[in-house]
Amino acid sequence: MAERTPMKAIGLTEFGGPEVLRVVELPSPEPGSGEVRIRVHAVAVNPTDTTFRAGRRAAQLADRTPPYIPGMDVAGVVDGVGEHCDGRLAVGDPVVGLVIPMGPHGGTYAEQVVVDQRSVIHAPKGVSAAAASTLLLNAVTAHLALDALDLSAPQAVAITGAAGAVGGYAVQIAKSRGLTVIADSSAGDEALVSAFGADHVVARGDDLTRQILDIAPGGVPGLTDGALLDGAALAAVADGGAVATLRGWNGPTERDIRIHPISAPDAATDTTLLEALRDLAEAGTISLRVADILPASAAAEAHRRLAAGGSRGRLVLDFQSGLSH
């Protein structure tokens, strides 16, 4: 067998702060049966990347040899197709993918990544790779959260963290379903949240639940908790209502309120869903937002900036300019 050409990636050999991220060299991956290889152009930096780096997934990686490669979102071009693929994707196609970094090939912080073909779709037309890379993880999360709440137009949904990447998509998808949206906003983001289509914008803070109850006496039937308020959000929810939580909180609850923990990896191979979200982006129904683009070698800085907060949209790592140690 011919020796495989090396590639560079951003990885870690021990869990910890942003400083553990390093440029590493790995063999170029070969796509297996039902897999495609992507030449990576851009990678969105998500909160899940920082928790991966810090060791939250250490138990799932215990049988793997480091370096561990973070990253779930990717945009690039197909440069290899394995056997037994369905013909939907071809070499040269611009694509986006949703990747599970605990999987056999690691995450997306690499010059090339091999992905299950079902998790890869054609990129939205007319947008940059950087913008395209911000789509799937956050839009899938928002979609799953709204599906879990199972509301019908014109019922009201409350969305916390509405200026964030998941929250912004949740507002826009909820509006596309005809729901009445009550969304929170910190000072200075009111215009942004309103532009997403929120029917009512309330101020984030200790008075949030009272403001929601002023608009929806008795509480809303469903709430998507992008701000990670957990139990503090329950007072805004009606008896027998539901909360979609994004970081694994599962109660305790009260008044027969149901809790739905949301996990985007559950839908990573749902090609039909991924394509539907791509179509929403192409139509302008959901907005792709890039906060800033950094060279891939600045991944540690991107993690620091994400932890500091205040970004509107996603920080993106550019892999097209190459990686250096």
Protein backbone atom coordinates (compact mmCIF):
# COMPACT_ATOMS: atom_id res chain seq x y z
CA MET A 1 0.00 0.00 0.00
CA ALA A 2 1.33 3.43 -0.93
CA GLU A 3 2.27 5.70 1.95
CA ARG A 4 -0.45 8.22 2.65
CA THR A 5 0.33 11.91 2.16
CA PRO A 6 0.38 13.85 5.42
CA MET A 7 -2.04 16.65 6.21
CA LYS A 8 -2.20 19.21 9.00
CA ALA A 9 -4.91 19.62 11.59
CA ILE A 10 -5.62 21.46 14.83
CA GLY A 11 -5.69 18.95 17.65
CA LEU A 12 -4.97 18.32 21.30
CA THR A 13 -3.15 15.59 23.19
CA GLU A 14 -4.48 16.61 26.59
CA PHE A 15 -7.68 18.32 27.65
CA GLY A 16 -7.61 21.84 28.99
CA GLY A 17 -7.82 25.50 28.03
CA PRO A 18 -7.41 27.00 24.56
CA GLU A 19 -3.62 26.71 24.85
CA VAL A 20 -3.80 22.91 24.38
CA LEU A 21 -4.78 23.38 20.72
CA ARG A 22 -1.80 22.73 18.45
CA VAL A 23 -1.01 22.24 14.77
CA VAL A 24 -0.46 18.50 14.28
CA GLU A 25 0.41 16.35 11.28
CA LEU A 26 -1.67 13.29 10.43
CA PRO A 27 -1.95 10.90 7.48
CA SER A 28 -4.38 12.11 4.84
CA PRO A 29 -7.62 10.16 5.47
CA GLU A 30 -9.07 7.84 2.85
CA PRO A 31 -12.85 7.60 2.44
CA GLY A 32 -14.28 4.18 3.13
CA SER A 33 -17.54 2.60 2.06
CA GLY A 34 -20.34 5.18 2.08
CA GLU A 35 -17.97 8.03 2.95
CA VAL A 36 -16.70 11.15 1.21
CA ARG A 37 -13.59 13.20 1.84
CA ILE A 38 -13.82 16.98 2.04
CA ARG A 39 -11.02 19.41 1.35
CA VAL A 40 -11.78 21.82 4.16
CA HIS A 41 -12.19 25.51 3.35
CA ALA A 42 -13.91 26.85 6.49
CA VAL A 43 -14.94 25.62 9.94
CA ALA A 44 -17.37 27.35 12.30
CA VAL A 45 -16.28 27.51 15.93
CA ASN A 46 -19.09 26.39 18.24
CA PRO A 47 -19.47 26.08 22.02
CA THR A 48 -19.42 22.29 21.62
CA ASP A 49 -15.85 22.62 20.33
CA THR A 50 -14.76 24.29 23.54
CA THR A 51 -16.39 21.67 25.76
CA PHE A 52 -14.78 18.93 23.63
CA ARG A 53 -11.39 20.61 24.12
CA ALA A 54 -11.98 20.93 27.86
CA GLY A 55 -12.67 17.19 28.22
CA ARG A 56 -16.43 16.85 28.39
CA ARG A 57 -16.24 14.00 25.85
CA ALA A 58 -13.17 12.37 27.38
CA ALA A 59 -15.00 9.16 28.26
CA GLN A 60 -16.13 8.73 24.64
CA LEU A 61 -12.54 9.18 23.47
CA ALA A 62 -10.94 6.85 26.00
CA ASP A 63 -10.17 4.15 23.43
CA ARG A 64 -8.77 6.61 20.86
CA THR A 65 -5.16 7.58 20.37
CA PRO A 66 -4.57 11.34 20.50
CA PRO A 67 -4.37 13.87 19.00
CA TYR A 68 -8.09 14.52 19.27
CA ILE A 69 -9.54 16.81 16.59
CA PRO A 70 -12.45 19.14 17.53
CA GLY A 71 -15.08 20.57 15.21
CA MET A 72 -18.59 19.71 14.02
CA ASP A 73 -19.31 22.21 11.21
CA VAL A 74 -17.41 22.21 7.92
CA ALA A 75 -17.62 23.76 4.46
CA GLY A 76 -15.37 22.75 1.60
CA VAL A 77 -15.14 20.76 -1.61
CA VAL A 78 -15.46 17.02 -2.13
CA ASP A 79 -12.06 15.62 -3.12
CA GLY A 80 -12.68 11.91 -2.65
CA VAL A 81 -15.64 9.52 -2.83
CA GLY A 82 -15.60 6.05 -1.30
CA GLU A 83 -17.23 2.90 -2.60
CA HIS A 84 -20.97 2.29 -2.33
CA CYS A 85 -21.92 5.97 -2.29
CA ASP A 86 -25.25 6.93 -3.81
CA GLY A 87 -23.97 9.26 -6.55
CA ARG A 88 -25.44 12.36 -4.93
CA LEU A 89 -21.98 13.88 -4.34
CA ALA A 90 -19.06 14.12 -6.77
CA VAL A 91 -15.48 15.32 -6.63
CA GLY A 92 -15.44 19.11 -6.95
CA ASP A 93 -18.85 19.71 -5.38
CA PRO A 94 -19.01 22.56 -2.83
CA VAL A 95 -20.50 21.01 0.30
CA VAL A 96 -21.24 21.46 3.97
CA GLY A 97 -21.21 18.69 6.56
CA LEU A 98 -22.19 17.94 10.14
CA VAL A 99 -19.47 15.87 11.79
CA ILE A 100 -19.30 13.97 15.10
CA PRO A 101 -15.78 14.57 16.47
CA MET A 102 -15.97 11.49 18.69
CA GLY A 103 -16.39 9.40 15.52
CA PRO A 104 -13.70 7.31 13.86
CA HIS A 105 -12.23 10.18 11.82
CA GLY A 106 -12.33 12.96 14.41
CA GLY A 107 -13.65 16.46 13.91
CA THR A 108 -13.41 19.18 11.30
CA TYR A 109 -10.36 21.23 12.38
CA ALA A 110 -8.26 19.66 9.62
CA GLU A 111 -7.20 20.23 6.03
CA GLN A 112 -9.18 17.13 5.02
CA VAL A 113 -11.98 15.29 6.77
CA VAL A 114 -13.75 12.03 5.96
CA VAL A 115 -17.48 12.04 6.64
CA ASP A 116 -20.45 9.68 6.27
CA GLN A 117 -22.04 10.74 2.96
CA ARG A 118 -25.42 11.07 4.68
CA SER A 119 -24.01 13.94 6.78
CA VAL A 120 -22.82 15.91 3.73
CA ILE A 121 -24.99 18.04 1.42
CA HIS A 122 -24.43 20.54 -1.35
CA ALA A 123 -23.63 23.97 0.06
CA PRO A 124 -26.12 26.83 -0.17
CA LYS A 125 -25.70 28.61 -3.48
CA GLY A 126 -24.36 32.13 -3.60
CA VAL A 127 -22.67 32.25 -0.19
CA SER A 128 -19.05 32.05 0.89
CA ALA A 129 -17.55 28.94 2.46
CA ALA A 130 -17.21 30.87 5.71
CA ALA A 131 -20.92 31.68 5.78
CA ALA A 132 -21.90 28.16 4.70
CA SER A 133 -19.88 26.64 7.54
CA THR A 134 -22.12 28.35 10.12
CA LEU A 135 -25.30 26.61 9.02
CA LEU A 136 -25.78 23.02 10.01
CA LEU A 137 -25.04 22.48 13.71
CA ASN A 138 -26.95 25.53 14.89
CA ALA A 139 -29.85 25.25 12.44
CA VAL A 140 -30.29 21.55 13.22
CA THR A 141 -30.35 22.35 16.94
CA ALA A 142 -32.97 25.06 16.46
CA HIS A 143 -35.09 22.82 14.22
CA LEU A 144 -34.98 19.89 16.67
CA ALA A 145 -35.89 22.17 19.57
CA LEU A 146 -38.97 23.51 17.80
CA ASP A 147 -39.99 20.03 16.67
CA ALA A 148 -39.74 18.78 20.26
CA LEU A 149 -42.06 21.55 21.47
CA ASP A 150 -44.62 20.44 18.85
CA LEU A 151 -46.43 23.77 18.60
CA SER A 152 -48.93 24.81 15.94
CA ALA A 153 -49.55 28.24 14.42
CA PRO A 154 -50.34 30.69 15.89
CA GLN A 155 -49.26 29.36 19.31
CA ALA A 156 -46.62 31.33 21.19
CA VAL A 157 -43.04 30.18 21.69
CA ALA A 158 -40.52 31.94 23.92
CA ILE A 159 -36.90 31.88 22.75
CA THR A 160 -34.07 32.85 25.09
CA GLY A 161 -30.63 33.65 23.75
CA ALA A 162 -32.35 34.96 20.63
CA ALA A 163 -29.38 37.00 19.40
CA GLY A 164 -27.12 33.94 19.43
CA ALA A 165 -26.49 31.52 16.59
CA VAL A 166 -29.05 28.90 17.68
CA GLY A 167 -31.50 31.48 19.00
CA GLY A 168 -31.48 33.51 15.80
CA TYR A 169 -32.22 30.44 13.71
CA ALA A 170 -34.94 29.41 16.19
CA VAL A 171 -36.70 32.77 15.81
CA GLN A 172 -36.55 32.61 12.02
CA ILE A 173 -37.65 28.97 11.76
CA ALA A 174 -40.46 29.54 14.27
CA LYS A 175 -41.73 32.49 12.21
CA SER A 176 -41.60 30.38 9.05
CA ARG A 177 -43.96 27.97 10.85
CA GLY A 178 -46.40 30.74 11.73
CA LEU A 179 -45.69 30.73 15.46
CA THR A 180 -45.92 33.85 17.62
CA VAL A 181 -42.39 34.51 18.84
CA ILE A 182 -41.47 36.13 22.16
CA ALA A 183 -37.70 36.58 22.15
CA ASP A 184 -35.27 38.00 24.67
CA SER A 185 -32.56 40.54 23.98
CA SER A 186 -29.73 42.10 25.90
CA ALA A 187 -29.23 45.84 25.60
CA GLY A 188 -28.22 46.80 22.09
CA ASP A 189 -29.53 43.67 20.34
CA GLU A 190 -33.20 44.66 20.13
CA ALA A 191 -33.00 45.69 16.47
CA LEU A 192 -31.20 42.47 15.54
CA VAL A 193 -33.75 40.23 17.25
CA SER A 194 -36.62 42.21 15.76
CA ALA A 195 -35.04 41.82 12.31
CA PHE A 196 -35.15 38.04 12.76
CA GLY A 197 -38.94 38.42 12.92
CA ALA A 198 -39.71 38.25 16.63
CA ASP A 199 -43.23 39.47 17.39
CA HIS A 200 -42.29 40.61 20.89
CA VAL A 201 -38.80 41.46 22.18
CA VAL A 202 -38.30 41.42 25.96
CA ALA A 203 -35.26 42.43 27.98
CA ARG A 204 -32.96 39.72 29.24
CA GLY A 205 -32.47 39.71 33.02
CA ASP A 206 -34.19 39.00 36.29
CA ASP A 207 -37.49 40.41 35.00
CA LEU A 208 -37.61 38.16 31.92
CA THR A 209 -40.29 35.74 33.06
CA ARG A 210 -42.61 38.51 34.25
CA GLN A 211 -42.30 40.23 30.86
CA ILE A 212 -43.18 36.98 29.07
CA LEU A 213 -46.19 36.47 31.36
CA ASP A 214 -47.36 40.02 30.63
CA ILE A 215 -47.54 39.06 26.96
CA ALA A 216 -48.78 35.49 27.46
CA PRO A 217 -50.82 35.36 30.69
CA GLY A 218 -50.62 31.85 32.09
CA GLY A 219 -47.32 31.22 30.33
CA VAL A 220 -46.19 30.07 26.89
CA PRO A 221 -46.83 26.48 25.79
CA GLY A 222 -43.23 26.09 24.68
CA LEU A 223 -39.81 27.66 25.35
CA THR A 224 -36.46 27.13 23.62
CA ASP A 225 -33.73 27.91 26.13
CA GLY A 226 -30.77 29.21 24.15
CA ALA A 227 -29.62 31.30 27.13
CA LEU A 228 -29.27 28.17 29.31
CA LEU A 229 -31.53 29.52 32.04
CA ASP A 230 -32.58 25.97 32.97
CA GLY A 231 -34.95 26.01 35.96
CA ALA A 232 -35.09 29.80 36.03
CA ALA A 233 -37.12 29.71 32.79
CA LEU A 234 -39.89 27.47 34.12
CA ALA A 235 -42.00 30.32 35.54
CA ALA A 236 -42.60 31.57 31.97
CA VAL A 237 -44.02 28.22 30.84
CA ALA A 238 -47.68 27.24 31.08
CA ASP A 239 -48.85 24.25 33.09
CA GLY A 240 -48.23 21.15 30.98
CA GLY A 241 -45.99 23.09 28.59
CA ALA A 242 -42.53 22.17 27.41
CA VAL A 243 -38.94 23.44 27.43
CA ALA A 244 -36.27 22.51 24.88
CA THR A 245 -32.87 22.58 26.61
CA LEU A 246 -29.58 22.72 24.73
CA ARG A 247 -26.89 21.60 27.20
CA GLY A 248 -28.37 18.48 28.71
CA TRP A 249 -30.37 19.95 31.62
CA ASN A 250 -33.29 17.65 32.38
CA GLY A 251 -34.97 19.08 35.42
CA PRO A 252 -36.34 18.83 38.02
CA THR A 253 -39.45 20.50 36.70
CA GLU A 254 -42.87 21.50 38.02
CA ARG A 255 -46.52 21.79 36.99
CA ASP A 256 -46.22 18.89 34.53
CA ILE A 257 -43.80 20.86 32.36
CA ARG A 258 -41.92 18.51 30.03
CA ILE A 259 -38.19 18.86 29.38
CA HIS A 260 -36.70 17.97 26.00
CA PRO A 261 -32.88 17.85 25.95
CA ILE A 262 -31.76 18.52 22.37
CA SER A 263 -28.78 16.82 20.72
CA ALA A 264 -27.90 17.78 17.14
CA PRO A 265 -25.76 14.63 16.62
CA ASP A 266 -29.02 12.65 16.74
CA ALA A 267 -29.83 14.12 13.31
CA ALA A 268 -26.33 14.15 11.81
CA THR A 269 -27.21 11.54 9.19
CA ASP A 270 -30.69 12.90 8.40
CA THR A 271 -29.84 14.07 4.87
CA THR A 272 -33.41 15.18 4.17
CA LEU A 273 -33.39 17.50 7.19
CA LEU A 274 -29.95 18.91 6.34
CA GLU A 275 -31.07 19.66 2.79
CA ALA A 276 -34.28 21.30 4.02
CA LEU A 277 -32.25 23.64 6.23
CA ARG A 278 -29.90 24.38 3.33
CA ASP A 279 -32.95 25.33 1.26
CA LEU A 280 -34.11 27.71 4.00
CA ALA A 281 -30.70 29.39 3.90
CA GLU A 282 -30.78 29.66 0.11
CA ALA A 283 -34.24 31.23 0.28
CA GLY A 284 -33.10 33.75 2.89
CA THR A 285 -35.54 32.38 5.46
CA ILE A 286 -32.63 31.88 7.86
CA SER A 287 -29.60 34.18 7.96
CA LEU A 288 -26.02 32.93 7.85
CA ARG A 289 -23.99 35.17 10.17
CA VAL A 290 -20.20 35.31 10.35
CA ALA A 291 -18.84 37.31 13.29
CA ASP A 292 -15.21 37.15 12.10
CA ILE A 293 -12.84 34.96 10.08
CA LEU A 294 -9.52 33.89 11.60
CA PRO A 295 -6.69 31.80 10.15
CA ALA A 296 -6.97 28.16 11.19
CA SER A 297 -3.72 28.44 13.13
CA ALA A 298 -5.51 30.96 15.41
CA ALA A 299 -7.96 28.35 16.72
CA ALA A 300 -6.88 28.96 20.33
CA GLU A 301 -7.64 32.67 19.94
CA ALA A 302 -11.04 31.84 18.45
CA HIS A 303 -11.82 29.68 21.49
CA ARG A 304 -10.81 32.52 23.82
CA ARG A 305 -13.00 34.99 21.95
CA LEU A 306 -15.96 32.61 22.00
CA ALA A 307 -15.58 32.14 25.77
CA ALA A 308 -15.42 35.92 26.26
CA GLY A 309 -18.87 36.27 24.64
CA GLY A 310 -20.32 39.14 22.71
CA SER A 311 -19.98 37.68 19.21
CA ARG A 312 -23.03 37.96 17.00
CA GLY A 313 -22.86 35.08 14.57
CA ARG A 314 -20.08 32.52 14.47
CA LEU A 315 -16.32 32.86 14.48
CA VAL A 316 -14.93 30.93 11.51
CA LEU A 317 -11.53 29.32 10.93
CA ASP A 318 -10.12 29.68 7.41
CA PHE A 319 -8.29 26.57 6.20
CA GLN A 320 -7.79 27.71 2.61
CA SER A 321 -4.67 29.72 3.43
CA GLY A 322 -2.95 26.66 4.87
CA LEU A 323 -1.66 25.74 8.31
CA SER A 324 1.76 26.38 9.77
CA HIS A 325 3.22 25.37 13.10
